[in-house]
Amino acid sequence: MTLSLAHITVDSADAAALAGFWSELLDLPVDEGASAQFATVGKAAGAAPALMFIQVPDKNPGKNVIHLDLHAEDWHQYIERAVSLGAKRIGDFDEYGAQWTTLADPEGNLFDIGAA
């Protein structure tokens, strides 16, 4: 038996709203039955891993422990798209032979978009 990654789970104040942001950014559907308490993105479309959003009353303050690293050939285009969808640009980095931008989604969860 092999252990496999099923979901990347994100604590949120409004699961459906945050799922909508990530759905638009990743061009994957919000799965049926999304609510303020629970939502998934891409599960029905066969994305692996799927994103899962769960409403949590008291999110941990400060930096999230787990974040998404996204990459693409035309990565600058996706940074601008993320910002237009409501992300906040945190900083640009060129270190360790890699280039990326750190952003925060509408609820402040950090993620990176970098060169493929």
Protein backbone atom coordinates (compact mmCIF):
# COMPACT_ATOMS: atom_id res chain seq x y z
CA MET A 1 0.00 0.00 0.00
CA THR A 2 1.26 3.48 -0.90
CA LEU A 3 0.52 6.64 0.99
CA SER A 4 -0.74 9.35 -1.34
CA LEU A 5 -1.61 13.01 -1.03
CA ALA A 6 -5.37 13.56 -1.35
CA HIS A 7 -5.92 17.21 -0.38
CA ILE A 8 -4.13 20.39 0.49
CA THR A 9 -6.25 21.86 3.28
CA VAL A 10 -6.54 25.58 3.92
CA ASP A 11 -8.11 27.09 7.05
CA SER A 12 -10.51 29.87 6.15
CA ALA A 13 -13.12 32.27 7.44
CA ASP A 14 -15.44 31.61 4.46
CA ALA A 15 -14.60 28.35 2.70
CA ALA A 16 -16.75 28.91 -0.40
CA ALA A 17 -15.48 32.45 -0.99
CA LEU A 18 -11.83 31.43 -0.68
CA ALA A 19 -12.45 28.37 -2.87
CA GLY A 20 -13.83 30.76 -5.49
CA PHE A 21 -10.56 32.72 -5.53
CA TRP A 22 -8.46 29.58 -5.97
CA SER A 23 -10.90 28.18 -8.53
CA GLU A 24 -10.47 31.27 -10.70
CA LEU A 25 -6.69 31.39 -10.27
CA LEU A 26 -6.15 27.70 -11.09
CA ASP A 27 -8.95 27.44 -13.67
CA LEU A 28 -10.47 24.48 -11.80
CA PRO A 29 -14.10 24.23 -10.70
CA VAL A 30 -15.38 24.69 -7.18
CA ASP A 31 -16.95 21.33 -6.43
CA GLU A 32 -20.68 20.97 -5.85
CA GLY A 33 -21.96 21.60 -2.33
CA ALA A 34 -19.57 24.40 -1.38
CA SER A 35 -20.59 26.37 1.71
CA ALA A 36 -19.10 28.88 4.12
CA GLN A 37 -18.06 25.92 6.27
CA PHE A 38 -16.55 23.56 3.68
CA ALA A 39 -15.53 23.58 0.01
CA THR A 40 -13.21 21.76 -2.37
CA VAL A 41 -11.68 22.75 -5.69
CA GLY A 42 -10.84 20.34 -8.48
CA LYS A 43 -11.85 17.10 -6.78
CA ALA A 44 -14.64 16.32 -9.26
CA ALA A 45 -12.33 17.30 -12.14
CA GLY A 46 -9.77 14.72 -10.98
CA ALA A 47 -7.15 17.19 -9.77
CA ALA A 48 -4.64 15.51 -7.50
CA PRO A 49 -4.24 16.74 -4.93
CA ALA A 50 -7.49 18.66 -4.62
CA LEU A 51 -7.72 21.83 -2.54
CA MET A 52 -9.93 21.66 0.55
CA PHE A 53 -11.12 24.71 2.47
CA ILE A 54 -12.49 24.41 6.00
CA GLN A 55 -13.98 27.19 8.09
CA VAL A 56 -11.92 27.65 11.26
CA PRO A 57 -13.07 30.17 13.88
CA ASP A 58 -9.59 31.11 15.12
CA LYS A 59 -6.93 30.87 12.44
CA ASN A 60 -3.36 30.79 13.71
CA PRO A 61 -1.85 34.28 13.62
CA GLY A 62 1.24 34.91 11.54
CA LYS A 63 2.61 33.00 8.57
CA ASN A 64 0.85 29.84 7.47
CA VAL A 65 2.94 26.73 7.94
CA ILE A 66 2.14 25.17 4.57
CA HIS A 67 1.89 27.13 1.34
CA LEU A 68 1.43 26.40 -2.35
CA ASP A 69 4.30 26.83 -4.82
CA LEU A 70 2.89 27.31 -8.32
CA HIS A 71 4.99 27.60 -11.46
CA ALA A 72 4.53 28.34 -15.15
CA GLU A 73 6.55 29.44 -18.17
CA ASP A 74 4.58 32.71 -18.31
CA TRP A 75 4.60 33.15 -14.54
CA HIS A 76 4.46 36.97 -14.57
CA GLN A 77 1.08 36.75 -16.31
CA TYR A 78 -0.26 34.57 -13.48
CA ILE A 79 1.01 36.99 -10.84
CA GLU A 80 -0.96 39.80 -12.46
CA ARG A 81 -3.99 37.52 -12.74
CA ALA A 82 -3.78 36.62 -9.05
CA VAL A 83 -3.59 40.30 -8.09
CA SER A 84 -6.59 41.10 -10.31
CA LEU A 85 -8.53 38.35 -8.49
CA GLY A 86 -7.79 39.88 -5.08
CA ALA A 87 -4.33 38.61 -4.10
CA LYS A 88 -1.81 40.95 -2.49
CA ARG A 89 1.78 41.01 -3.77
CA ILE A 90 4.13 40.46 -0.80
CA GLY A 91 7.57 40.34 -2.42
CA ASP A 92 9.73 39.31 -5.37
CA PHE A 93 12.65 36.94 -4.93
CA ASP A 94 15.62 35.74 -6.98
CA GLU A 95 17.51 33.27 -4.81
CA TYR A 96 19.05 29.80 -4.99
CA GLY A 97 18.83 29.83 -8.80
CA ALA A 98 15.06 30.39 -8.75
CA GLN A 99 12.77 33.37 -9.28
CA TRP A 100 9.35 33.72 -7.66
CA THR A 101 6.84 36.14 -6.20
CA THR A 102 5.15 35.62 -2.85
CA LEU A 103 1.51 36.65 -2.70
CA ALA A 104 -1.32 36.44 -0.15
CA ASP A 105 -4.78 35.23 -1.10
CA PRO A 106 -7.84 37.28 0.00
CA GLU A 107 -7.67 35.76 3.52
CA GLY A 108 -3.92 36.30 3.91
CA ASN A 109 -2.70 32.75 3.15
CA LEU A 110 0.70 32.96 1.45
CA PHE A 111 1.54 31.28 -1.85
CA ASP A 112 4.32 31.58 -4.43
CA ILE A 113 4.23 31.86 -8.23
CA GLY A 114 7.54 31.30 -9.95
CA ALA A 115 9.35 30.45 -13.15
CA ALA A 116 8.91 26.88 -14.36
